[in-house]
Amino acid sequence: MQTDISGIELAPRRHRLTVYLAGIGVNLAVASTAVLLLALVPPNTTAHRILAAVVLWAALPLTFPFMVSVPASHCEGEEFPVMHEIFDGAHGTRLEQASYTPDFMERFWRIGAEGFWKLERMQHYDEGDFPSYVAFRSGDWGHSLQLIEELRPAYEEEFGKITESGIGLHRVRVVERPVTPYIQWELNVLHVKQEYGEQVSVLEAERVASYEREEPLPELCVLGSEAVYVLDYTPAGAPDGATRFTQSDVVARSRAFLRELYAKGEGVEAYFPREIAHLETPDPGF
């Protein structure tokens, strides 16, 4: 009898390993038992020949994994890049920016306890006409920080409504060294936001290097069990739509991955005063 494991290559890594190792374990047990019995059975007998055949039958499949060609990059610890691990085999829907925003908002308010999860990997975004960002880009750092402070009443109201709806907000912000001017500015914003309910985990770029052997981590946004968006940006960092996936397994794997990254990071409430608050005024001419 054979067990149907079709599609197992798309399952999370730990599930695939469980299935594959279980098969190897069974074969090893059968082969080992047959070898022990061979020592007890007289040679050149029917029983001896049957046991020898059993050893061959059980041991031969153990060589198969070593006959498969594996790319060198996959032999270094991560057998699949993250995009393959999460999305391989799934078909997404491409949304232009004008369609992405209403699609996001229509789904957001029904995501519930599974919450909102976002991964920010790029080190600069174009925040358009956001007042504090405009002041930052114009070189008026003091005014930029003042405008962030003036957002507190709006954040209190906005995040209060979200909290009352039972929605948790979680963001993973990857930070490269040296810290870019944009990251310095954004972490000032996120430090204020966390005071009103958004949970922000800061992850140094070296902590995600093992996931990026072939390509940088994607910009991801997960809405509960509703959908996951792979966000696109122009070369200048302006929003440029997204690809939406609604398959339940893809959404679950994406959410689990962001939870994993979130747990590896440090809360912005501890990271910001130690690593960012003391930095000199950034040069907006990046």
Protein backbone atom coordinates (compact mmCIF):
# COMPACT_ATOMS: atom_id res chain seq x y z
CA MET A 1 0.00 0.00 0.00
CA GLN A 2 1.22 3.52 -0.81
CA THR A 3 0.24 6.71 0.94
CA ASP A 4 -0.90 9.53 -1.34
CA ILE A 5 1.35 12.55 -0.65
CA SER A 6 0.63 14.43 -3.86
CA GLY A 7 0.98 18.15 -3.32
CA ILE A 8 3.21 17.74 -0.28
CA GLU A 9 5.88 19.87 -1.97
CA LEU A 10 3.62 22.90 -1.48
CA ALA A 11 3.10 22.25 2.23
CA PRO A 12 5.11 24.12 4.87
CA ARG A 13 8.66 22.89 5.33
CA ARG A 14 8.08 21.16 8.69
CA HIS A 15 5.17 19.17 7.23
CA ARG A 16 7.20 18.04 4.23
CA LEU A 17 10.05 16.92 6.47
CA THR A 18 7.67 14.98 8.70
CA VAL A 19 6.32 13.02 5.73
CA TYR A 20 9.70 12.37 4.13
CA LEU A 21 11.46 11.39 7.35
CA ALA A 22 8.62 9.08 8.34
CA GLY A 23 9.13 7.10 5.13
CA ILE A 24 12.89 6.92 5.65
CA GLY A 25 12.38 5.77 9.24
CA VAL A 26 10.12 2.91 8.20
CA ASN A 27 12.57 1.72 5.56
CA LEU A 28 15.49 1.86 8.00
CA ALA A 29 13.56 -0.14 10.59
CA VAL A 30 12.63 -2.87 8.07
CA ALA A 31 16.17 -3.08 6.67
CA SER A 32 17.75 -3.23 10.14
CA THR A 33 15.41 -5.99 11.30
CA ALA A 34 16.09 -8.04 8.18
CA VAL A 35 19.86 -7.66 8.64
CA LEU A 36 19.64 -8.92 12.23
CA LEU A 37 17.59 -11.92 11.14
CA LEU A 38 20.12 -12.71 8.39
CA ALA A 39 22.74 -13.29 11.09
CA LEU A 40 20.51 -15.91 12.68
CA VAL A 41 19.43 -17.79 9.53
CA PRO A 42 21.71 -20.38 7.88
CA PRO A 43 23.11 -19.19 4.53
CA ASN A 44 22.09 -20.71 1.20
CA THR A 45 18.56 -21.32 2.42
CA THR A 46 15.27 -20.02 1.08
CA ALA A 47 14.73 -17.99 4.25
CA HIS A 48 18.18 -16.42 3.89
CA ARG A 49 17.51 -15.44 0.27
CA ILE A 50 14.11 -13.93 1.16
CA LEU A 51 15.64 -11.85 3.97
CA ALA A 52 18.41 -10.65 1.63
CA ALA A 53 15.75 -9.52 -0.85
CA VAL A 54 13.91 -7.69 1.93
CA VAL A 55 17.10 -5.83 2.88
CA LEU A 56 17.58 -4.75 -0.73
CA TRP A 57 13.92 -3.77 -1.11
CA ALA A 58 13.98 -1.62 2.04
CA ALA A 59 17.43 -0.07 1.58
CA LEU A 60 17.30 0.84 -2.11
CA PRO A 61 14.78 3.73 -1.72
CA LEU A 62 17.08 5.31 0.88
CA THR A 63 19.49 6.23 -1.93
CA PHE A 64 16.89 8.13 -3.95
CA PRO A 65 17.18 11.51 -2.12
CA PHE A 66 20.92 11.59 -2.87
CA MET A 67 20.30 11.06 -6.59
CA VAL A 68 18.31 14.30 -6.93
CA SER A 69 20.16 17.34 -8.20
CA VAL A 70 19.76 20.24 -5.78
CA PRO A 71 20.91 23.79 -6.56
CA ALA A 72 23.90 24.86 -4.51
CA SER A 73 22.01 27.72 -2.88
CA HIS A 74 19.47 25.25 -1.55
CA CYS A 75 22.15 23.20 0.15
CA GLU A 76 23.10 26.01 2.48
CA GLY A 77 20.15 25.78 4.88
CA GLU A 78 17.02 27.09 3.16
CA GLU A 79 15.86 24.66 0.52
CA PHE A 80 13.36 27.08 -1.02
CA PRO A 81 13.22 30.87 -1.18
CA VAL A 82 10.30 32.38 0.72
CA MET A 83 8.26 33.23 -2.37
CA HIS A 84 8.36 29.60 -3.50
CA GLU A 85 7.65 28.32 0.00
CA ILE A 86 4.52 30.43 0.38
CA PHE A 87 3.16 31.08 -3.10
CA ASP A 88 4.35 28.31 -5.46
CA GLY A 89 1.45 26.84 -7.39
CA ALA A 90 -0.97 29.63 -6.43
CA HIS A 91 -2.44 32.13 -8.86
CA GLY A 92 -2.92 35.71 -7.75
CA THR A 93 -4.96 38.59 -9.10
CA ARG A 94 -3.03 41.65 -10.22
CA LEU A 95 -4.53 44.91 -8.95
CA GLU A 96 -3.53 48.34 -10.16
CA GLN A 97 -3.15 50.93 -7.41
CA ALA A 98 -6.56 52.44 -8.09
CA SER A 99 -8.15 49.01 -7.53
CA TYR A 100 -5.92 47.88 -4.67
CA THR A 101 -6.91 50.60 -2.19
CA PRO A 102 -10.70 50.01 -2.27
CA ASP A 103 -10.16 46.23 -2.33
CA PHE A 104 -8.01 46.52 0.80
CA MET A 105 -10.47 48.77 2.63
CA GLU A 106 -13.45 46.59 1.74
CA ARG A 107 -11.77 43.58 3.38
CA PHE A 108 -10.02 45.31 6.28
CA TRP A 109 -12.96 45.84 8.62
CA ARG A 110 -13.99 42.19 8.63
CA ILE A 111 -10.64 40.54 9.37
CA GLY A 112 -11.27 40.20 13.11
CA ALA A 113 -8.91 38.58 15.59
CA GLU A 114 -6.50 37.19 12.97
CA GLY A 115 -5.48 40.78 12.50
CA PHE A 116 -3.43 42.86 10.11
CA TRP A 117 0.17 41.86 9.42
CA LYS A 118 2.61 43.85 7.29
CA LEU A 119 6.22 43.29 6.25
CA GLU A 120 8.25 46.33 5.20
CA ARG A 121 11.57 45.40 3.58
CA MET A 122 12.44 48.37 1.33
CA GLN A 123 14.53 51.09 2.93
CA HIS A 124 12.70 53.98 1.30
CA TYR A 125 9.13 54.66 0.22
CA ASP A 126 7.66 57.72 -1.44
CA GLU A 127 4.99 58.88 1.02
CA GLY A 128 3.53 61.41 -1.42
CA ASP A 129 1.97 64.48 0.19
CA PHE A 130 1.99 63.18 3.78
CA PRO A 131 2.78 66.49 5.58
CA SER A 132 5.54 65.24 7.88
CA TYR A 133 7.21 63.44 4.98
CA VAL A 134 7.04 66.58 2.83
CA ALA A 135 8.70 68.59 5.59
CA PHE A 136 11.35 65.90 6.01
CA ARG A 137 12.13 65.87 2.28
CA SER A 138 12.32 69.66 2.23
CA GLY A 139 15.01 69.59 4.92
CA ASP A 140 12.90 70.90 7.82
CA TRP A 141 13.50 68.07 10.27
CA GLY A 142 12.21 69.94 13.31
CA HIS A 143 8.92 70.76 11.62
CA SER A 144 8.63 67.17 10.37
CA LEU A 145 8.85 65.86 13.95
CA GLN A 146 6.38 68.49 15.14
CA LEU A 147 3.87 67.37 12.51
CA ILE A 148 4.22 63.77 13.72
CA GLU A 149 3.38 64.91 17.25
CA GLU A 150 0.34 66.76 15.94
CA LEU A 151 -0.99 63.48 14.56
CA ARG A 152 -1.53 62.03 18.03
CA PRO A 153 -5.25 62.96 18.32
CA ALA A 154 -5.94 61.48 14.87
CA TYR A 155 -4.02 58.30 15.72
CA GLU A 156 -5.85 57.97 19.02
CA GLU A 157 -9.20 58.14 17.24
CA GLU A 158 -8.20 55.91 14.31
CA PHE A 159 -6.53 53.16 16.33
CA GLY A 160 -9.26 53.35 18.96
CA LYS A 161 -11.87 52.39 16.36
CA ILE A 162 -9.68 49.55 15.10
CA THR A 163 -9.11 48.23 18.62
CA GLU A 164 -12.84 48.39 19.37
CA SER A 165 -13.42 46.26 16.26
CA GLY A 166 -11.15 43.54 17.68
CA ILE A 167 -8.50 43.97 14.99
CA GLY A 168 -4.84 43.61 15.95
CA LEU A 169 -2.25 45.61 14.01
CA HIS A 170 1.21 44.11 13.54
CA ARG A 171 4.09 45.45 11.47
CA VAL A 172 7.56 44.03 10.84
CA ARG A 173 10.07 46.70 9.82
CA VAL A 174 13.40 45.42 8.47
CA VAL A 175 16.27 47.86 9.05
CA GLU A 176 19.59 47.86 7.21
CA ARG A 177 22.80 49.42 8.44
CA PRO A 178 23.64 52.24 8.15
CA VAL A 179 20.12 53.48 8.84
CA THR A 180 18.75 55.39 5.85
CA PRO A 181 17.25 58.87 6.31
CA TYR A 182 13.83 57.49 5.40
CA ILE A 183 14.03 54.73 8.03
CA GLN A 184 15.05 57.31 10.64
CA TRP A 185 12.00 59.38 9.74
CA GLU A 186 9.59 56.42 9.54
CA LEU A 187 10.65 54.98 12.90
CA ASN A 188 9.73 58.32 14.47
CA VAL A 189 6.23 57.84 13.04
CA LEU A 190 6.00 54.18 14.08
CA HIS A 191 7.22 54.98 17.59
CA VAL A 192 4.23 57.28 18.02
CA LYS A 193 1.82 54.84 16.37
CA GLN A 194 2.76 52.03 18.76
CA GLU A 195 1.60 54.17 21.65
CA TYR A 196 -1.92 53.98 20.24
CA GLY A 197 -2.15 50.31 19.38
CA GLU A 198 0.00 49.34 16.40
CA GLN A 199 2.49 46.65 17.41
CA VAL A 200 5.79 47.22 15.58
CA SER A 201 8.69 44.75 15.57
CA VAL A 202 12.05 45.98 14.26
CA LEU A 203 14.27 43.37 12.64
CA GLU A 204 17.87 44.05 11.66
CA ALA A 205 18.52 43.02 8.05
CA GLU A 206 21.15 40.46 9.06
CA ARG A 207 18.42 38.52 10.85
CA VAL A 208 16.59 37.89 7.56
CA ALA A 209 19.68 37.12 5.45
CA SER A 210 18.96 33.39 5.49
CA TYR A 211 15.64 34.07 3.72
CA GLU A 212 17.23 36.24 1.05
CA ARG A 213 19.84 34.05 -0.63
CA GLU A 214 18.14 34.43 -4.01
CA GLU A 215 16.03 37.57 -3.71
CA PRO A 216 14.96 40.17 -1.13
CA LEU A 217 11.91 39.44 0.94
CA PRO A 218 8.72 40.70 -0.68
CA GLU A 219 6.62 43.54 0.64
CA LEU A 220 3.67 41.70 2.18
CA CYS A 221 0.34 42.67 3.70
CA VAL A 222 -1.92 40.02 5.25
CA LEU A 223 -5.53 40.74 6.15
CA GLY A 224 -6.61 38.10 8.65
CA SER A 225 -7.80 35.01 6.78
CA GLU A 226 -9.13 37.17 3.94
CA ALA A 227 -6.17 37.80 1.67
CA VAL A 228 -2.47 38.42 1.32
CA TYR A 229 -1.14 41.14 -0.96
CA VAL A 230 2.32 41.21 -2.51
CA LEU A 231 2.83 44.95 -2.79
CA ASP A 232 4.55 46.57 -5.75
CA TYR A 233 6.41 49.88 -5.89
CA THR A 234 7.95 52.04 -8.57
CA PRO A 235 11.76 52.45 -8.62
CA ALA A 236 11.21 55.70 -6.69
CA GLY A 237 9.27 53.87 -3.99
CA ALA A 238 5.75 55.00 -4.86
CA PRO A 239 2.90 52.48 -4.44
CA ASP A 240 2.22 50.63 -7.70
CA GLY A 241 -0.58 48.18 -6.97
CA ALA A 242 -0.39 44.63 -5.69
CA THR A 243 -1.03 40.99 -6.44
CA ARG A 244 -3.81 39.54 -4.27
CA PHE A 245 -4.00 35.92 -3.13
CA THR A 246 -7.09 34.60 -1.38
CA GLN A 247 -6.33 30.85 -1.20
CA SER A 248 -6.69 29.89 2.46
CA ASP A 249 -3.44 27.90 2.59
CA VAL A 250 -1.42 30.72 1.02
CA VAL A 251 -2.92 33.27 3.42
CA ALA A 252 -2.24 31.00 6.41
CA ARG A 253 1.39 30.40 5.39
CA SER A 254 1.94 34.12 4.81
CA ARG A 255 0.50 35.02 8.21
CA ALA A 256 2.58 32.32 9.92
CA PHE A 257 5.73 33.60 8.23
CA LEU A 258 5.11 37.18 9.34
CA ARG A 259 4.42 35.98 12.87
CA GLU A 260 7.74 34.17 12.80
CA LEU A 261 9.58 37.32 11.68
CA TYR A 262 7.68 39.43 14.21
CA ALA A 263 8.79 37.17 17.04
CA LYS A 264 12.44 37.48 15.96
CA GLY A 265 12.41 41.26 16.12
CA GLU A 266 12.43 43.83 18.90
CA GLY A 267 9.57 46.12 19.84
CA VAL A 268 9.96 49.64 18.49
CA GLU A 269 9.31 51.00 21.98
CA ALA A 270 12.70 49.53 23.04
CA TYR A 271 14.55 49.81 19.73
CA PHE A 272 13.76 53.46 18.96
CA PRO A 273 15.19 55.17 22.07
CA ARG A 274 18.36 53.07 21.94
CA GLU A 275 19.11 53.07 18.19
CA ILE A 276 17.29 56.02 16.57
CA ALA A 277 16.37 58.83 18.95
CA HIS A 278 19.96 60.07 19.36
CA LEU A 279 20.82 60.16 15.64
CA GLU A 280 21.74 63.47 14.06
CA THR A 281 19.38 65.26 11.68
CA PRO A 282 19.21 63.14 8.52
CA ASP A 283 20.13 64.38 5.08
CA PRO A 284 16.92 64.40 3.00
CA GLY A 285 18.88 64.47 -0.23
CA PHE A 286 18.94 60.66 -0.54
